[in-house]
N, C-alpha and C. Protein backbone atom coordinates (compact mmCIF):
# COMPACT_ATOMS: atom_id res chain seq x y z
N MET A 1 80.47 -14.60 105.66
CA MET A 1 80.32 -14.50 104.23
C MET A 1 81.71 -14.50 103.58
N GLY A 2 81.86 -15.16 102.46
CA GLY A 2 83.14 -15.29 101.78
C GLY A 2 83.49 -14.05 100.97
N PRO A 3 84.57 -14.17 100.23
CA PRO A 3 85.03 -13.04 99.43
C PRO A 3 84.02 -12.71 98.32
N THR A 4 83.98 -11.44 97.93
CA THR A 4 83.08 -11.02 96.85
C THR A 4 83.63 -11.47 95.51
N SER A 5 82.77 -11.50 94.52
CA SER A 5 83.22 -11.85 93.17
C SER A 5 84.31 -10.90 92.71
N ARG A 6 84.20 -9.64 93.09
CA ARG A 6 85.21 -8.65 92.70
C ARG A 6 86.56 -8.99 93.33
N ALA A 7 86.57 -9.35 94.60
CA ALA A 7 87.82 -9.71 95.27
C ALA A 7 88.43 -10.95 94.61
N ILE A 8 87.58 -11.89 94.22
CA ILE A 8 88.06 -13.10 93.58
C ILE A 8 88.67 -12.78 92.22
N THR A 9 87.97 -11.96 91.44
CA THR A 9 88.50 -11.63 90.11
C THR A 9 89.76 -10.77 90.22
N ASP A 10 89.84 -9.92 91.23
CA ASP A 10 91.06 -9.14 91.44
C ASP A 10 92.24 -10.07 91.76
N ARG A 11 92.00 -11.05 92.62
CA ARG A 11 93.05 -12.03 92.96
C ARG A 11 93.45 -12.82 91.73
N LEU A 12 92.47 -13.20 90.93
CA LEU A 12 92.74 -13.94 89.70
C LEU A 12 93.63 -13.11 88.77
N ALA A 13 93.32 -11.84 88.61
CA ALA A 13 94.12 -10.97 87.74
C ALA A 13 95.55 -10.86 88.24
N THR A 14 95.73 -10.74 89.55
CA THR A 14 97.07 -10.66 90.13
C THR A 14 97.87 -11.93 89.85
N LEU A 15 97.24 -13.07 90.04
CA LEU A 15 97.91 -14.35 89.80
C LEU A 15 98.25 -14.52 88.31
N LEU A 16 97.33 -14.14 87.45
CA LEU A 16 97.57 -14.25 86.01
C LEU A 16 98.72 -13.34 85.57
N ASP A 17 98.77 -12.15 86.13
CA ASP A 17 99.88 -11.23 85.81
C ASP A 17 101.23 -11.84 86.19
N GLU A 18 101.29 -12.41 87.38
CA GLU A 18 102.55 -13.01 87.83
C GLU A 18 102.91 -14.22 86.97
N GLU A 19 101.91 -15.03 86.64
CA GLU A 19 102.17 -16.19 85.79
C GLU A 19 102.68 -15.74 84.43
N HIS A 20 102.06 -14.73 83.88
CA HIS A 20 102.48 -14.20 82.58
C HIS A 20 103.92 -13.70 82.64
N ASP A 21 104.25 -12.98 83.69
CA ASP A 21 105.62 -12.47 83.85
C ASP A 21 106.63 -13.61 83.89
N LEU A 22 106.34 -14.66 84.63
CA LEU A 22 107.26 -15.79 84.71
C LEU A 22 107.40 -16.50 83.37
N ARG A 23 106.28 -16.71 82.69
CA ARG A 23 106.34 -17.40 81.39
C ARG A 23 107.07 -16.55 80.35
N THR A 24 106.86 -15.24 80.38
CA THR A 24 107.56 -14.34 79.46
C THR A 24 109.05 -14.34 79.74
N ARG A 25 109.41 -14.30 81.01
CA ARG A 25 110.81 -14.35 81.40
C ARG A 25 111.46 -15.64 80.90
N ALA A 26 110.76 -16.74 81.02
CA ALA A 26 111.29 -18.04 80.57
C ALA A 26 111.53 -18.03 79.07
N LEU A 27 110.63 -17.43 78.32
CA LEU A 27 110.78 -17.40 76.86
C LEU A 27 111.91 -16.49 76.41
N HIS A 28 112.07 -15.37 77.09
CA HIS A 28 113.07 -14.38 76.69
C HIS A 28 114.47 -14.67 77.22
N HIS A 29 114.56 -15.55 78.15
CA HIS A 29 115.85 -15.95 78.71
C HIS A 29 116.05 -17.42 78.36
N GLY A 30 116.30 -17.71 77.13
CA GLY A 30 116.38 -19.05 76.59
C GLY A 30 116.68 -20.17 77.55
N GLY A 31 117.27 -19.90 78.70
CA GLY A 31 117.61 -20.94 79.65
C GLY A 31 116.45 -21.39 80.51
N GLY A 32 115.28 -20.80 80.33
CA GLY A 32 114.13 -21.18 81.13
C GLY A 32 114.12 -20.50 82.48
N LEU A 33 113.50 -21.14 83.44
CA LEU A 33 113.34 -20.59 84.78
C LEU A 33 114.26 -21.30 85.77
N SER A 34 114.61 -20.57 86.80
CA SER A 34 115.37 -21.18 87.89
C SER A 34 114.47 -22.18 88.62
N ASP A 35 115.07 -22.98 89.46
CA ASP A 35 114.29 -23.94 90.26
C ASP A 35 113.25 -23.21 91.12
N THR A 36 113.64 -22.09 91.68
CA THR A 36 112.73 -21.31 92.52
C THR A 36 111.57 -20.77 91.69
N GLU A 37 111.88 -20.27 90.48
CA GLU A 37 110.83 -19.75 89.61
C GLU A 37 109.91 -20.87 89.12
N GLN A 38 110.46 -22.02 88.84
CA GLN A 38 109.63 -23.16 88.43
C GLN A 38 108.69 -23.58 89.55
N ALA A 39 109.20 -23.59 90.77
CA ALA A 39 108.36 -23.93 91.92
C ALA A 39 107.25 -22.89 92.09
N ARG A 40 107.59 -21.63 91.91
CA ARG A 40 106.59 -20.56 92.03
C ARG A 40 105.53 -20.70 90.94
N LEU A 41 105.95 -21.05 89.74
CA LEU A 41 105.00 -21.23 88.64
C LEU A 41 104.03 -22.38 88.95
N ARG A 42 104.54 -23.46 89.49
CA ARG A 42 103.66 -24.58 89.87
C ARG A 42 102.67 -24.14 90.95
N LYS A 43 103.15 -23.37 91.91
CA LYS A 43 102.27 -22.88 92.98
C LYS A 43 101.22 -21.93 92.40
N LEU A 44 101.63 -21.07 91.47
CA LEU A 44 100.67 -20.17 90.82
C LEU A 44 99.59 -20.96 90.09
N GLU A 45 99.99 -22.01 89.38
CA GLU A 45 99.03 -22.83 88.66
C GLU A 45 98.01 -23.44 89.62
N ASP A 46 98.47 -23.91 90.76
CA ASP A 46 97.56 -24.47 91.78
C ASP A 46 96.63 -23.39 92.32
N GLU A 47 97.18 -22.21 92.61
CA GLU A 47 96.37 -21.12 93.13
C GLU A 47 95.35 -20.66 92.10
N LEU A 48 95.76 -20.59 90.84
CA LEU A 48 94.84 -20.20 89.78
C LEU A 48 93.68 -21.19 89.67
N ASP A 49 93.99 -22.47 89.74
CA ASP A 49 92.93 -23.49 89.70
C ASP A 49 91.96 -23.29 90.87
N ALA A 50 92.49 -23.05 92.06
CA ALA A 50 91.64 -22.88 93.24
C ALA A 50 90.77 -21.63 93.12
N VAL A 51 91.33 -20.54 92.64
CA VAL A 51 90.56 -19.30 92.50
C VAL A 51 89.48 -19.47 91.43
N MET A 52 89.81 -20.14 90.35
CA MET A 52 88.81 -20.37 89.30
C MET A 52 87.66 -21.23 89.83
N ARG A 53 87.98 -22.25 90.61
CA ARG A 53 86.92 -23.09 91.19
C ARG A 53 86.03 -22.26 92.12
N LEU A 54 86.65 -21.41 92.93
CA LEU A 54 85.90 -20.56 93.85
C LEU A 54 84.98 -19.62 93.08
N LEU A 55 85.49 -19.01 92.04
CA LEU A 55 84.69 -18.10 91.23
C LEU A 55 83.52 -18.84 90.56
N GLU A 56 83.80 -20.01 90.03
CA GLU A 56 82.73 -20.81 89.40
C GLU A 56 81.66 -21.21 90.42
N GLN A 57 82.09 -21.61 91.62
CA GLN A 57 81.14 -21.98 92.67
C GLN A 57 80.28 -20.78 93.06
N ARG A 58 80.92 -19.65 93.22
CA ARG A 58 80.21 -18.43 93.63
C ARG A 58 79.17 -18.04 92.57
N ARG A 59 79.58 -18.11 91.32
CA ARG A 59 78.64 -17.75 90.24
C ARG A 59 77.51 -18.77 90.14
N ALA A 60 77.82 -20.05 90.34
CA ALA A 60 76.78 -21.08 90.29
C ALA A 60 75.78 -20.87 91.44
N LEU A 61 76.28 -20.55 92.62
CA LEU A 61 75.40 -20.34 93.77
C LEU A 61 74.52 -19.11 93.59
N SER A 62 75.00 -18.12 92.85
CA SER A 62 74.21 -16.90 92.66
C SER A 62 72.92 -17.20 91.90
N VAL A 63 72.90 -18.26 91.11
CA VAL A 63 71.69 -18.66 90.40
C VAL A 63 70.60 -19.03 91.39
N PHE A 64 70.98 -19.70 92.47
CA PHE A 64 70.01 -20.13 93.47
C PHE A 64 69.59 -19.01 94.41
N ASP A 65 70.35 -17.94 94.45
CA ASP A 65 70.01 -16.79 95.29
C ASP A 65 69.01 -15.87 94.61
N ASP A 66 68.74 -16.10 93.34
CA ASP A 66 67.85 -15.25 92.56
C ASP A 66 66.40 -15.56 92.92
N ASN A 67 65.71 -14.62 93.54
CA ASN A 67 64.35 -14.84 94.01
C ASN A 67 63.27 -14.55 92.97
N ASP A 68 63.57 -13.69 91.99
CA ASP A 68 62.52 -13.30 91.05
C ASP A 68 62.63 -13.98 89.69
N GLY A 69 63.57 -14.88 89.53
CA GLY A 69 63.71 -15.61 88.28
C GLY A 69 64.53 -14.89 87.23
N ALA A 70 64.95 -13.67 87.50
CA ALA A 70 65.77 -12.94 86.54
C ALA A 70 67.19 -13.47 86.56
N ALA A 71 67.91 -13.21 85.51
CA ALA A 71 69.31 -13.64 85.45
C ALA A 71 70.10 -12.91 86.53
N PRO A 72 71.04 -13.60 87.16
CA PRO A 72 71.83 -12.97 88.21
C PRO A 72 72.70 -11.84 87.65
N ALA A 73 72.78 -10.77 88.39
CA ALA A 73 73.60 -9.63 87.99
C ALA A 73 75.05 -9.92 88.36
N ASP A 74 75.96 -9.45 87.54
CA ASP A 74 77.38 -9.60 87.83
C ASP A 74 77.77 -8.55 88.85
N GLU A 75 78.44 -8.98 89.91
CA GLU A 75 78.87 -8.05 90.96
C GLU A 75 80.06 -7.26 90.48
N ASN A 76 80.09 -5.99 90.83
CA ASN A 76 81.25 -5.14 90.48
C ASN A 76 82.01 -4.79 91.69
């Protein structure tokens, strides 16, 4: 069994925090980001896309796991 929705959203929050920190640093240090920071930002963007796809897939699949026809509950 794969990661839970909670684990996915926790990972998403961590990635978003790091992305926000890098973008804020770039804005406040008029010179932008170092090459290393730019590479990290690109990697974060890729990871964020992958995590979002995983979360969307997991939520879409939960619709098919519903046996009684009720709306799927959000996992905590």
